[in-house]
Amino acid sequence: MSKIHSAWLFMCRHKYILTIIFIALIVGVVDEDSFLNRHPRQVRIDMLRQEIASYKRQYAEADSKIRNLENNPKAVEKIARERYHMKRANEDVFVFVGEPTETASEEEEE
């Protein structure tokens, strides 16, 4: 009986400290937004921010290419010649096709 009584007295004297410790345990470990769950979420947020930055760079590059194509007729001609093998009336176009890689030839054999 004296142990229960002494424990009760201890809890009564230190009720604020025990309450703060209890709340800290709930917030730190048990809660859905606990510190244990917060770190993986923060890592995911950082990865998504890097991905957003990458997409913004790609957008800026594509936008500059589009503006270049709109304002520079020589850029349009260059793309037409390289990608679509277009030529002028007095020109000949030679297209060189590279040899297939080893992985492609191995797939054909199987």
PDB file of N, CA and C in Angstrom:
ATOM      1  N   MET A   1       0.815  -1.196   0.000  1.00  0.00           N
ATOM      2  CA  MET A   1       0.000   0.000   0.000  1.00  0.00           C
ATOM      3  C   MET A   1       0.855   1.254   0.000  1.00  0.00           C
ATOM      4  N   SER A   2       1.992   1.186   0.649  1.00  0.00           N
ATOM      5  CA  SER A   2       2.838   2.366   0.716  1.00  0.00           C
ATOM      6  C   SER A   2       3.473   2.685  -0.648  1.00  0.00           C
ATOM      7  N   LYS A   3       3.730   1.642  -1.471  1.00  0.00           N
ATOM      8  CA  LYS A   3       4.292   1.893  -2.802  1.00  0.00           C
ATOM      9  C   LYS A   3       3.266   2.588  -3.687  1.00  0.00           C
ATOM     10  N   ILE A   4       2.034   2.160  -3.597  1.00  0.00           N
ATOM     11  CA  ILE A   4       0.979   2.790  -4.392  1.00  0.00           C
ATOM     12  C   ILE A   4       0.784   4.233  -3.927  1.00  0.00           C
ATOM     13  N   HIS A   5       0.801   4.425  -2.605  1.00  0.00           N
ATOM     14  CA  HIS A   5       0.630   5.766  -2.051  1.00  0.00           C
ATOM     15  C   HIS A   5       1.798   6.683  -2.445  1.00  0.00           C
ATOM     16  N   SER A   6       3.022   6.167  -2.394  1.00  0.00           N
ATOM     17  CA  SER A   6       4.187   6.981  -2.768  1.00  0.00           C
ATOM     18  C   SER A   6       4.190   7.276  -4.270  1.00  0.00           C
ATOM     19  N   ALA A   7       3.732   6.311  -5.077  1.00  0.00           N
ATOM     20  CA  ALA A   7       3.641   6.546  -6.518  1.00  0.00           C
ATOM     21  C   ALA A   7       2.590   7.620  -6.798  1.00  0.00           C
ATOM     22  N   TRP A   8       1.459   7.565  -6.076  1.00  0.00           N
ATOM     23  CA  TRP A   8       0.416   8.574  -6.243  1.00  0.00           C
ATOM     24  C   TRP A   8       0.914   9.956  -5.856  1.00  0.00           C
ATOM     25  N   LEU A   9       1.632  10.044  -4.779  1.00  0.00           N
ATOM     26  CA  LEU A   9       2.182  11.323  -4.351  1.00  0.00           C
ATOM     27  C   LEU A   9       3.198  11.859  -5.370  1.00  0.00           C
ATOM     28  N   PHE A  10       4.024  10.962  -5.909  1.00  0.00           N
ATOM     29  CA  PHE A  10       5.001  11.361  -6.938  1.00  0.00           C
ATOM     30  C   PHE A  10       4.279  11.920  -8.160  1.00  0.00           C
ATOM     31  N   MET A  11       3.220  11.226  -8.590  1.00  0.00           N
ATOM     32  CA  MET A  11       2.461  11.678  -9.756  1.00  0.00           C
ATOM     33  C   MET A  11       1.767  13.006  -9.479  1.00  0.00           C
ATOM     34  N   CYS A  12       1.289  13.199  -8.245  1.00  0.00           N
ATOM     35  CA  CYS A  12       0.634  14.463  -7.914  1.00  0.00           C
ATOM     36  C   CYS A  12       1.628  15.622  -7.882  1.00  0.00           C
ATOM     37  N   ARG A  13       2.815  15.364  -7.404  1.00  0.00           N
ATOM     38  CA  ARG A  13       3.828  16.420  -7.335  1.00  0.00           C
ATOM     39  C   ARG A  13       4.353  16.798  -8.723  1.00  0.00           C
ATOM     40  N   HIS A  14       4.490  15.829  -9.574  1.00  0.00           N
ATOM     41  CA  HIS A  14       5.116  16.049 -10.891  1.00  0.00           C
ATOM     42  C   HIS A  14       4.120  15.857 -12.039  1.00  0.00           C
ATOM     43  N   LYS A  15       2.874  16.248 -11.836  1.00  0.00           N
ATOM     44  CA  LYS A  15       1.844  16.012 -12.842  1.00  0.00           C
ATOM     45  C   LYS A  15       2.093  16.783 -14.140  1.00  0.00           C
ATOM     46  N   TYR A  16       2.659  17.959 -14.055  1.00  0.00           N
ATOM     47  CA  TYR A  16       2.915  18.732 -15.277  1.00  0.00           C
ATOM     48  C   TYR A  16       4.058  18.118 -16.097  1.00  0.00           C
ATOM     49  N   ILE A  17       5.089  17.692 -15.418  1.00  0.00           N
ATOM     50  CA  ILE A  17       6.215  17.060 -16.116  1.00  0.00           C
ATOM     51  C   ILE A  17       5.766  15.748 -16.749  1.00  0.00           C
ATOM     52  N   LEU A  18       5.004  14.951 -16.022  1.00  0.00           N
ATOM     53  CA  LEU A  18       4.509  13.692 -16.569  1.00  0.00           C
ATOM     54  C   LEU A  18       3.566  13.936 -17.754  1.00  0.00           C
ATOM     55  N   THR A  19       2.749  14.977 -17.676  1.00  0.00           N
ATOM     56  CA  THR A  19       1.856  15.304 -18.792  1.00  0.00           C
ATOM     57  C   THR A  19       2.653  15.726 -20.022  1.00  0.00           C
ATOM     58  N   ILE A  20       3.674  16.535 -19.835  1.00  0.00           N
ATOM     59  CA  ILE A  20       4.519  16.963 -20.958  1.00  0.00           C
ATOM     60  C   ILE A  20       5.233  15.768 -21.573  1.00  0.00           C
ATOM     61  N   ILE A  21       5.740  14.864 -20.762  1.00  0.00           N
ATOM     62  CA  ILE A  21       6.417  13.660 -21.277  1.00  0.00           C
ATOM     63  C   ILE A  21       5.427  12.795 -22.042  1.00  0.00           C
ATOM     64  N   PHE A  22       4.229  12.641 -21.514  1.00  0.00           N
ATOM     65  CA  PHE A  22       3.206  11.842 -22.193  1.00  0.00           C
ATOM     66  C   PHE A  22       2.847  12.436 -23.551  1.00  0.00           C
ATOM     67  N   ILE A  23       2.641  13.728 -23.600  1.00  0.00           N
ATOM     68  CA  ILE A  23       2.308  14.394 -24.873  1.00  0.00           C
ATOM     69  C   ILE A  23       3.477  14.304 -25.847  1.00  0.00           C
ATOM     70  N   ALA A  24       4.707  14.458 -25.366  1.00  0.00           N
ATOM     71  CA  ALA A  24       5.883  14.350 -26.233  1.00  0.00           C
ATOM     72  C   ALA A  24       5.993  12.953 -26.825  1.00  0.00           C
ATOM     73  N   LEU A  25       5.675  11.927 -26.054  1.00  0.00           N
ATOM     74  CA  LEU A  25       5.692  10.564 -26.594  1.00  0.00           C
ATOM     75  C   LEU A  25       4.628  10.368 -27.663  1.00  0.00           C
ATOM     76  N   ILE A  26       3.459  10.925 -27.425  1.00  0.00           N
ATOM     77  CA  ILE A  26       2.402  10.785 -28.426  1.00  0.00           C
ATOM     78  C   ILE A  26       2.787  11.505 -29.711  1.00  0.00           C
ATOM     79  N   VAL A  27       3.263  12.733 -29.593  1.00  0.00           N
ATOM     80  CA  VAL A  27       3.629  13.513 -30.775  1.00  0.00           C
ATOM     81  C   VAL A  27       4.859  12.922 -31.457  1.00  0.00           C
ATOM     82  N   GLY A  28       5.804  12.443 -30.696  1.00  0.00           N
ATOM     83  CA  GLY A  28       7.061  11.961 -31.268  1.00  0.00           C
ATOM     84  C   GLY A  28       6.994  10.579 -31.878  1.00  0.00           C
ATOM     85  N   VAL A  29       6.119   9.707 -31.366  1.00  0.00           N
ATOM     86  CA  VAL A  29       6.165   8.325 -31.803  1.00  0.00           C
ATOM     87  C   VAL A  29       4.818   7.826 -32.325  1.00  0.00           C
ATOM     88  N   VAL A  30       3.753   8.069 -31.638  1.00  0.00           N
ATOM     89  CA  VAL A  30       2.482   7.419 -31.905  1.00  0.00           C
ATOM     90  C   VAL A  30       1.648   8.144 -32.952  1.00  0.00           C
ATOM     91  N   ASP A  31       1.676   9.432 -32.982  1.00  0.00           N
ATOM     92  CA  ASP A  31       0.804  10.233 -33.825  1.00  0.00           C
ATOM     93  C   ASP A  31       1.073   9.999 -35.307  1.00  0.00           C
ATOM     94  N   GLU A  32       0.072  10.270 -36.139  1.00  0.00           N
ATOM     95  CA  GLU A  32       0.224  10.118 -37.592  1.00  0.00           C
ATOM     96  C   GLU A  32       1.270  11.087 -38.143  1.00  0.00           C
ATOM     97  N   ASP A  33       1.366  12.260 -37.574  1.00  0.00           N
ATOM     98  CA  ASP A  33       2.352  13.251 -37.989  1.00  0.00           C
ATOM     99  C   ASP A  33       3.555  13.262 -37.051  1.00  0.00           C
ATOM    100  N   SER A  34       3.972  12.105 -36.616  1.00  0.00           N
ATOM    101  CA  SER A  34       5.069  12.023 -35.657  1.00  0.00           C
ATOM    102  C   SER A  34       6.405  12.322 -36.326  1.00  0.00           C
ATOM    103  N   PHE A  35       7.394  12.484 -35.500  1.00  0.00           N
ATOM    104  CA  PHE A  35       8.733  12.754 -36.023  1.00  0.00           C
ATOM    105  C   PHE A  35       9.272  11.562 -36.803  1.00  0.00           C
ATOM    106  N   LEU A  36       8.842  10.363 -36.461  1.00  0.00           N
ATOM    107  CA  LEU A  36       9.278   9.175 -37.193  1.00  0.00           C
ATOM    108  C   LEU A  36       8.707   9.147 -38.607  1.00  0.00           C
ATOM    109  N   ASN A  37       7.502   9.634 -38.777  1.00  0.00           N
ATOM    110  CA  ASN A  37       6.888   9.669 -40.106  1.00  0.00           C
ATOM    111  C   ASN A  37       7.279  10.913 -40.887  1.00  0.00           C
ATOM    112  N   ARG A  38       7.738  11.909 -40.207  1.00  0.00           N
ATOM    113  CA  ARG A  38       8.036  13.185 -40.859  1.00  0.00           C
ATOM    114  C   ARG A  38       9.279  13.109 -41.749  1.00  0.00           C
ATOM    115  N   HIS A  39      10.288  12.387 -41.343  1.00  0.00           N
ATOM    116  CA  HIS A  39      11.539  12.328 -42.110  1.00  0.00           C
ATOM    117  C   HIS A  39      11.341  11.716 -43.497  1.00  0.00           C
ATOM    118  N   PRO A  40      10.701  10.542 -43.636  1.00  0.00           N
ATOM    119  CA  PRO A  40      10.498  10.025 -45.008  1.00  0.00           C
ATOM    120  C   PRO A  40       9.668  10.958 -45.880  1.00  0.00           C
ATOM    121  N   ARG A  41       8.713  11.635 -45.274  1.00  0.00           N
ATOM    122  CA  ARG A  41       7.919  12.584 -46.050  1.00  0.00           C
ATOM    123  C   ARG A  41       8.766  13.760 -46.522  1.00  0.00           C
ATOM    124  N   GLN A  42       9.654  14.228 -45.663  1.00  0.00           N
ATOM    125  CA  GLN A  42      10.529  15.341 -46.039  1.00  0.00           C
ATOM    126  C   GLN A  42      11.468  14.927 -47.168  1.00  0.00           C
ATOM    127  N   VAL A  43      11.973  13.692 -47.116  1.00  0.00           N
ATOM    128  CA  VAL A  43      12.832  13.187 -48.194  1.00  0.00           C
ATOM    129  C   VAL A  43      12.051  13.143 -49.498  1.00  0.00           C
ATOM    130  N   ARG A  44      10.809  12.683 -49.444  1.00  0.00           N
ATOM    131  CA  ARG A  44       9.962  12.623 -50.643  1.00  0.00           C
ATOM    132  C   ARG A  44       9.695  14.024 -51.188  1.00  0.00           C
ATOM    133  N   ILE A  45       9.442  14.975 -50.302  1.00  0.00           N
ATOM    134  CA  ILE A  45       9.208  16.358 -50.732  1.00  0.00           C
ATOM    135  C   ILE A  45      10.444  16.915 -51.422  1.00  0.00           C
ATOM    136  N   ASP A  46      11.626  16.637 -50.881  1.00  0.00           N
ATOM    137  CA  ASP A  46      12.860  17.116 -51.506  1.00  0.00           C
ATOM    138  C   ASP A  46      13.048  16.509 -52.889  1.00  0.00           C
ATOM    139  N   MET A  47      12.758  15.201 -53.028  1.00  0.00           N
ATOM    140  CA  MET A  47      12.871  14.564 -54.347  1.00  0.00           C
ATOM    141  C   MET A  47      11.892  15.188 -55.340  1.00  0.00           C
ATOM    142  N   LEU A  48      10.673  15.461 -54.899  1.00  0.00           N
ATOM    143  CA  LEU A  48       9.681  16.065 -55.793  1.00  0.00           C
ATOM    144  C   LEU A  48      10.081  17.484 -56.186  1.00  0.00           C
ATOM    145  N   ARG A  49      10.677  18.219 -55.259  1.00  0.00           N
ATOM    146  CA  ARG A  49      11.154  19.566 -55.609  1.00  0.00           C
ATOM    147  C   ARG A  49      12.261  19.508 -56.650  1.00  0.00           C
ATOM    148  N   GLN A  50      13.157  18.531 -56.517  1.00  0.00           N
ATOM    149  CA  GLN A  50      14.209  18.371 -57.525  1.00  0.00           C
ATOM    150  C   GLN A  50      13.601  18.006 -58.878  1.00  0.00           C
ATOM    151  N   GLU A  51      12.584  17.162 -58.861  1.00  0.00           N
ATOM    152  CA  GLU A  51      11.923  16.778 -60.096  1.00  0.00           C
ATOM    153  C   GLU A  51      11.230  17.984 -60.737  1.00  0.00           C
ATOM    154  N   ILE A  52      10.616  18.818 -59.924  1.00  0.00           N
ATOM    155  CA  ILE A  52       9.972  20.035 -60.432  1.00  0.00           C
ATOM    156  C   ILE A  52      11.007  20.954 -61.068  1.00  0.00           C
ATOM    157  N   ALA A  53      12.157  21.094 -60.406  1.00  0.00           N
ATOM    158  CA  ALA A  53      13.220  21.937 -60.960  1.00  0.00           C
ATOM    159  C   ALA A  53      13.704  21.378 -62.293  1.00  0.00           C
ATOM    160  N   SER A  54      13.807  20.059 -62.384  1.00  0.00           N
ATOM    161  CA  SER A  54      14.230  19.427 -63.631  1.00  0.00           C
ATOM    162  C   SER A  54      13.211  19.703 -64.744  1.00  0.00           C
ATOM    163  N   TYR A  55      11.932  19.580 -64.419  1.00  0.00           N
ATOM    164  CA  TYR A  55      10.901  19.847 -65.421  1.00  0.00           C
ATOM    165  C   TYR A  55      10.893  21.314 -65.835  1.00  0.00           C
ATOM    166  N   LYS A  56      11.157  22.197 -64.908  1.00  0.00           N
ATOM    167  CA  LYS A  56      11.229  23.622 -65.253  1.00  0.00           C
ATOM    168  C   LYS A  56      12.388  23.900 -66.201  1.00  0.00           C
ATOM    169  N   ARG A  57      13.548  23.242 -65.967  1.00  0.00           N
ATOM    170  CA  ARG A  57      14.680  23.404 -66.886  1.00  0.00           C
ATOM    171  C   ARG A  57      14.321  22.868 -68.273  1.00  0.00           C
ATOM    172  N   GLN A  58      13.682  21.690 -68.328  1.00  0.00           N
ATOM    173  CA  GLN A  58      13.288  21.129 -69.616  1.00  0.00           C
ATOM    174  C   GLN A  58      12.295  22.045 -70.332  1.00  0.00           C
ATOM    175  N   TYR A  59      11.382  22.617 -69.574  1.00  0.00           N
ATOM    176  CA  TYR A  59      10.404  23.540 -70.157  1.00  0.00           C
ATOM    177  C   TYR A  59      11.102  24.772 -70.720  1.00  0.00           C
ATOM    178  N   ALA A  60      12.060  25.303 -69.970  1.00  0.00           N
ATOM    179  CA  ALA A  60      12.770  26.494 -70.438  1.00  0.00           C
ATOM    180  C   ALA A  60      13.554  26.187 -71.716  1.00  0.00           C
ATOM    181  N   GLU A  61      14.192  25.006 -71.771  1.00  0.00           N
ATOM    182  CA  GLU A  61      14.938  24.627 -72.977  1.00  0.00           C
ATOM    183  C   GLU A  61      13.995  24.475 -74.173  1.00  0.00           C
ATOM    184  N   ALA A  62      12.874  23.797 -73.966  1.00  0.00           N
ATOM    185  CA  ALA A  62      11.913  23.599 -75.054  1.00  0.00           C
ATOM    186  C   ALA A  62      11.320  24.928 -75.502  1.00  0.00           C
ATOM    187  N   ASP A  63      11.055  25.803 -74.545  1.00  0.00           N
ATOM    188  CA  ASP A  63      10.507  27.113 -74.881  1.00  0.00           C
ATOM    189  C   ASP A  63      11.503  27.926 -75.704  1.00  0.00           C
ATOM    190  N   SER A  64      12.784  27.863 -75.331  1.00  0.00           N
ATOM    191  CA  SER A  64      13.782  28.607 -76.108  1.00  0.00           C
ATOM    192  C   SER A  64      13.930  28.025 -77.511  1.00  0.00           C
ATOM    193  N   LYS A  65      13.820  26.689 -77.635  1.00  0.00           N
ATOM    194  CA  LYS A  65      13.887  26.080 -78.968  1.00  0.00           C
ATOM    195  C   LYS A  65      12.697  26.500 -79.822  1.00  0.00           C
ATOM    196  N   ILE A  66      11.532  26.544 -79.224  1.00  0.00           N
ATOM    197  CA  ILE A  66      10.337  26.955 -79.976  1.00  0.00           C
ATOM    198  C   ILE A  66      10.457  28.408 -80.416  1.00  0.00           C
ATOM    199  N   ARG A  67      10.918  29.262 -79.531  1.00  0.00           N
ATOM    200  CA  ARG A  67      11.095  30.674 -79.908  1.00  0.00           C
ATOM    201  C   ARG A  67      12.134  30.813 -81.012  1.00  0.00           C
ATOM    202  N   ASN A  68      13.191  30.001 -80.933  1.00  0.00           N
ATOM    203  CA  ASN A  68      14.220  30.028 -81.972  1.00  0.00           C
ATOM    204  C   ASN A  68      13.621  29.588 -83.306  1.00  0.00           C
ATOM    205  N   LEU A  69      12.776  28.562 -83.283  1.00  0.00           N
ATOM    206  CA  LEU A  69      12.147  28.097 -84.516  1.00  0.00           C
ATOM    207  C   LEU A  69      11.180  29.130 -85.077  1.00  0.00           C
ATOM    208  N   GLU A  70      10.494  29.842 -84.209  1.00  0.00           N
ATOM    209  CA  GLU A  70       9.548  30.855 -84.684  1.00  0.00           C
ATOM    210  C   GLU A  70      10.254  32.056 -85.296  1.00  0.00           C
ATOM    211  N   ASN A  71      11.430  32.384 -84.799  1.00  0.00           N
ATOM    212  CA  ASN A  71      12.110  33.604 -85.228  1.00  0.00           C
ATOM    213  C   ASN A  71      13.243  33.373 -86.223  1.00  0.00           C
ATOM    214  N   ASN A  72      13.699  32.153 -86.380  1.00  0.00           N
ATOM    215  CA  ASN A  72      14.869  31.891 -87.204  1.00  0.00           C
ATOM    216  C   ASN A  72      14.522  30.852 -88.271  1.00  0.00           C
ATOM    217  N   PRO A  73      14.374  31.245 -89.507  1.00  0.00           N
ATOM    218  CA  PRO A  73      14.039  30.275 -90.559  1.00  0.00           C
ATOM    219  C   PRO A  73      15.170  29.275 -90.828  1.00  0.00           C
ATOM    220  N   LYS A  74      16.401  29.661 -90.536  1.00  0.00           N
ATOM    221  CA  LYS A  74      17.511  28.722 -90.747  1.00  0.00           C
ATOM    222  C   LYS A  74      17.442  27.559 -89.755  1.00  0.00           C
ATOM    223  N   ALA A  75      16.901  27.804 -88.573  1.00  0.00           N
ATOM    224  CA  ALA A  75      16.743  26.727 -87.594  1.00  0.00           C
ATOM    225  C   ALA A  75      15.710  25.712 -88.080  1.00  0.00           C
ATOM    226  N   VAL A  76      14.647  26.196 -88.693  1.00  0.00           N
ATOM    227  CA  VAL A  76      13.628  25.293 -89.253  1.00  0.00           C
ATOM    228  C   VAL A  76      14.241  24.463 -90.369  1.00  0.00           C
ATOM    229  N   GLU A  77      15.027  25.106 -91.222  1.00  0.00           N
ATOM    230  CA  GLU A  77      15.685  24.383 -92.317  1.00  0.00           C
ATOM    231  C   GLU A  77      16.640  23.328 -91.775  1.00  0.00           C
ATOM    232  N   LYS A  78      17.366  23.652 -90.734  1.00  0.00           N
ATOM    233  CA  LYS A  78      18.309  22.704 -90.143  1.00  0.00           C
ATOM    234  C   LYS A  78      17.582  21.469 -89.616  1.00  0.00           C
ATOM    235  N   ILE A  79      16.487  21.668 -88.928  1.00  0.00           N
ATOM    236  CA  ILE A  79      15.734  20.533 -88.393  1.00  0.00           C
ATOM    237  C   ILE A  79      15.135  19.715 -89.528  1.00  0.00           C
ATOM    238  N   ALA A  80      14.631  20.372 -90.549  1.00  0.00           N
ATOM    239  CA  ALA A  80      14.052  19.652 -91.683  1.00  0.00           C
ATOM    240  C   ALA A  80      15.109  18.816 -92.386  1.00  0.00           C
ATOM    241  N   ARG A  81      16.303  19.327 -92.498  1.00  0.00           N
ATOM    242  CA  ARG A  81      17.366  18.572 -93.154  1.00  0.00           C
ATOM    243  C   ARG A  81      17.839  17.398 -92.294  1.00  0.00           C
ATOM    244  N   GLU A  82      18.010  17.628 -91.002  1.00  0.00           N
ATOM    245  CA  GLU A  82      18.563  16.582 -90.136  1.00  0.00           C
ATOM    246  C   GLU A  82      17.558  15.480 -89.833  1.00  0.00           C
ATOM    247  N   ARG A  83      16.356  15.849 -89.482  1.00  0.00           N
ATOM    248  CA  ARG A  83      15.391  14.838 -89.041  1.00  0.00           C
ATOM    249  C   ARG A  83      14.625  14.201 -90.188  1.00  0.00           C
ATOM    250  N   TYR A  84      14.245  14.995 -91.151  1.00  0.00           N
ATOM    251  CA  TYR A  84      13.350  14.519 -92.193  1.00  0.00           C
ATOM    252  C   TYR A  84      14.035  14.330 -93.535  1.00  0.00           C
ATOM    253  N   HIS A  85      15.345  14.497 -93.570  1.00  0.00           N
ATOM    254  CA  HIS A  85      16.168  14.262 -94.766  1.00  0.00           C
ATOM    255  C   HIS A  85      15.642  15.031 -95.977  1.00  0.00           C
ATOM    256  N   MET A  86      15.198  16.238 -95.763  1.00  0.00           N
ATOM    257  CA  MET A  86      14.740  17.071 -96.868  1.00  0.00           C
ATOM    258  C   MET A  86      15.951  17.710 -97.544  1.00  0.00           C
ATOM    259  N   LYS A  87      15.769  18.065 -98.778  1.00  0.00           N
ATOM    260  CA  LYS A  87      16.881  18.633 -99.538  1.00  0.00           C
ATOM    261  C   LYS A  87      16.359  19.689-100.490  1.00  0.00           C
ATOM    262  N   ARG A  88      17.307  20.432-100.977  1.00  0.00           N
ATOM    263  CA  ARG A  88      16.970  21.410-102.017  1.00  0.00           C
ATOM    264  C   ARG A  88      16.954  20.695-103.366  1.00  0.00           C
ATOM    265  N   ALA A  89      16.487  21.393-104.375  1.00  0.00           N
ATOM    266  CA  ALA A  89      16.317  20.761-105.691  1.00  0.00           C
ATOM    267  C   ALA A  89      17.642  20.330-106.303  1.00  0.00           C
ATOM    268  N   ASN A  90      18.712  21.052-106.053  1.00  0.00           N
ATOM    269  CA  ASN A  90      19.979  20.730-106.707  1.00  0.00           C
ATOM    270  C   ASN A  90      20.936  19.967-105.781  1.00  0.00           C
ATOM    271  N   GLU A  91      20.447  19.336-104.741  1.00  0.00           N
ATOM    272  CA  GLU A  91      21.314  18.633-103.792  1.00  0.00           C
ATOM    273  C   GLU A  91      21.030  17.142-103.792  1.00  0.00           C
ATOM    274  N   ASP A  92      22.025  16.388-103.363  1.00  0.00           N
ATOM    275  CA  ASP A  92      21.863  14.959-103.113  1.00  0.00           C
ATOM    276  C   ASP A  92      22.042  14.733-101.616  1.00  0.00           C
ATOM    277  N   VAL A  93      21.237  13.821-101.064  1.00  0.00           N
ATOM    278  CA  VAL A  93      21.308  13.527 -99.631  1.00  0.00           C
ATOM    279  C   VAL A  93      21.757  12.098 -99.467  1.00  0.00           C
ATOM    280  N   PHE A  94      22.766  11.921 -98.627  1.00  0.00           N
ATOM    281  CA  PHE A  94      23.250  10.594 -98.305  1.00  0.00           C
ATOM    282  C   PHE A  94      22.970  10.328 -96.833  1.00  0.00           C
ATOM    283  N   VAL A  95      22.269   9.240 -96.559  1.00  0.00           N
ATOM    284  CA  VAL A  95      21.927   8.874 -95.188  1.00  0.00           C
ATOM    285  C   VAL A  95      22.739   7.648 -94.837  1.00  0.00           C
ATOM    286  N   PHE A  96      23.532   7.779 -93.767  1.00  0.00           N
ATOM    287  CA  PHE A  96      24.345   6.667 -93.302  1.00  0.00           C
ATOM    288  C   PHE A  96      23.636   5.999 -92.134  1.00  0.00           C
ATOM    289  N   VAL A  97      23.436   4.711 -92.266  1.00  0.00           N
ATOM    290  CA  VAL A  97      22.793   3.953 -91.203  1.00  0.00           C
ATOM    291  C   VAL A  97      23.881   3.171 -90.488  1.00  0.00           C
ATOM    292  N   GLY A  98      23.941   3.320 -89.166  1.00  0.00           N
ATOM    293  CA  GLY A  98      24.954   2.620 -88.394  1.00  0.00           C
ATOM    294  C   GLY A  98      24.659   1.130 -88.314  1.00  0.00           C
ATOM    295  N   GLU A  99      25.706   0.365 -87.986  1.00  0.00           N
ATOM    296  CA  GLU A  99      25.521  -1.075 -87.828  1.00  0.00           C
ATOM    297  C   GLU A  99      24.749  -1.346 -86.550  1.00  0.00           C
ATOM    298  N   PRO A 100      23.967  -2.427 -86.550  1.00  0.00           N
ATOM    299  CA  PRO A 100      23.221  -2.731 -85.337  1.00  0.00           C
ATOM    300  C   PRO A 100      24.169  -3.091 -84.186  1.00  0.00           C
ATOM    301  N   THR A 101      23.756  -2.763 -83.005  1.00  0.00           N
ATOM    302  CA  THR A 101      24.584  -3.070 -81.845  1.00  0.00           C
ATOM    303  C   THR A 101      24.538  -4.552 -81.551  1.00  0.00           C
ATOM    304  N   GLU A 102      25.418  -5.003 -80.668  1.00  0.00           N
ATOM    305  CA  GLU A 102      25.492  -6.425 -80.347  1.00  0.00           C
ATOM    306  C   GLU A 102      24.221  -6.914 -79.674  1.00  0.00           C
ATOM    307  N   THR A 103      23.621  -6.110 -78.847  1.00  0.00           N
ATOM    308  CA  THR A 103      22.408  -6.545 -78.155  1.00  0.00           C
ATOM    309  C   THR A 103      21.273  -6.770 -79.144  1.00  0.00           C
ATOM    310  N   ALA A 104      21.191  -5.940 -80.192  1.00  0.00           N
ATOM    311  CA  ALA A 104      20.134  -6.116 -81.184  1.00  0.00           C
ATOM    312  C   ALA A 104      20.368  -7.387 -81.983  1.00  0.00           C
ATOM    313  N   SER A 105      21.626  -7.705 -82.325  1.00  0.00           N
ATOM    314  CA  SER A 105      21.910  -8.915 -83.087  1.00  0.00           C
ATOM    315  C   SER A 105      21.693 -10.164 -82.241  1.00  0.00           C
ATOM    316  N   GLU A 106      21.945 -10.067 -80.945  1.00  0.00           N
ATOM    317  CA  GLU A 106      21.709 -11.212 -80.051  1.00  0.00           C
ATOM    318  C   GLU A 106      20.221 -11.481 -79.932  1.00  0.00           C
ATOM    319  N   GLU A 107      19.397 -10.451 -79.913  1.00  0.00           N
ATOM    320  CA  GLU A 107      17.950 -10.631 -79.823  1.00  0.00           C
ATOM    321  C   GLU A 107      17.406 -11.271 -81.083  1.00  0.00           C
ATOM    322  N   GLU A 108      17.994 -10.953 -82.243  1.00  0.00           N
ATOM    323  CA  GLU A 108      17.547 -11.542 -83.495  1.00  0.00           C
ATOM    324  C   GLU A 108      17.862 -13.027 -83.546  1.00  0.00           C
ATOM    325  N   GLU A 109      18.993 -13.433 -82.972  1.00  0.00           N
ATOM    326  CA  GLU A 109      19.386 -14.834 -82.993  1.00  0.00           C
ATOM    327  C   GLU A 109      18.480 -15.689 -82.133  1.00  0.00           C
ATOM    328  N   GLU A 110      17.943 -15.127 -81.061  1.00  0.00           N
ATOM    329  CA  GLU A 110      17.075 -15.893 -80.160  1.00  0.00           C
ATOM    330  C   GLU A 110      15.752 -16.019 -80.761  1.00  0.00           C
TER     331      GLU A 110
END
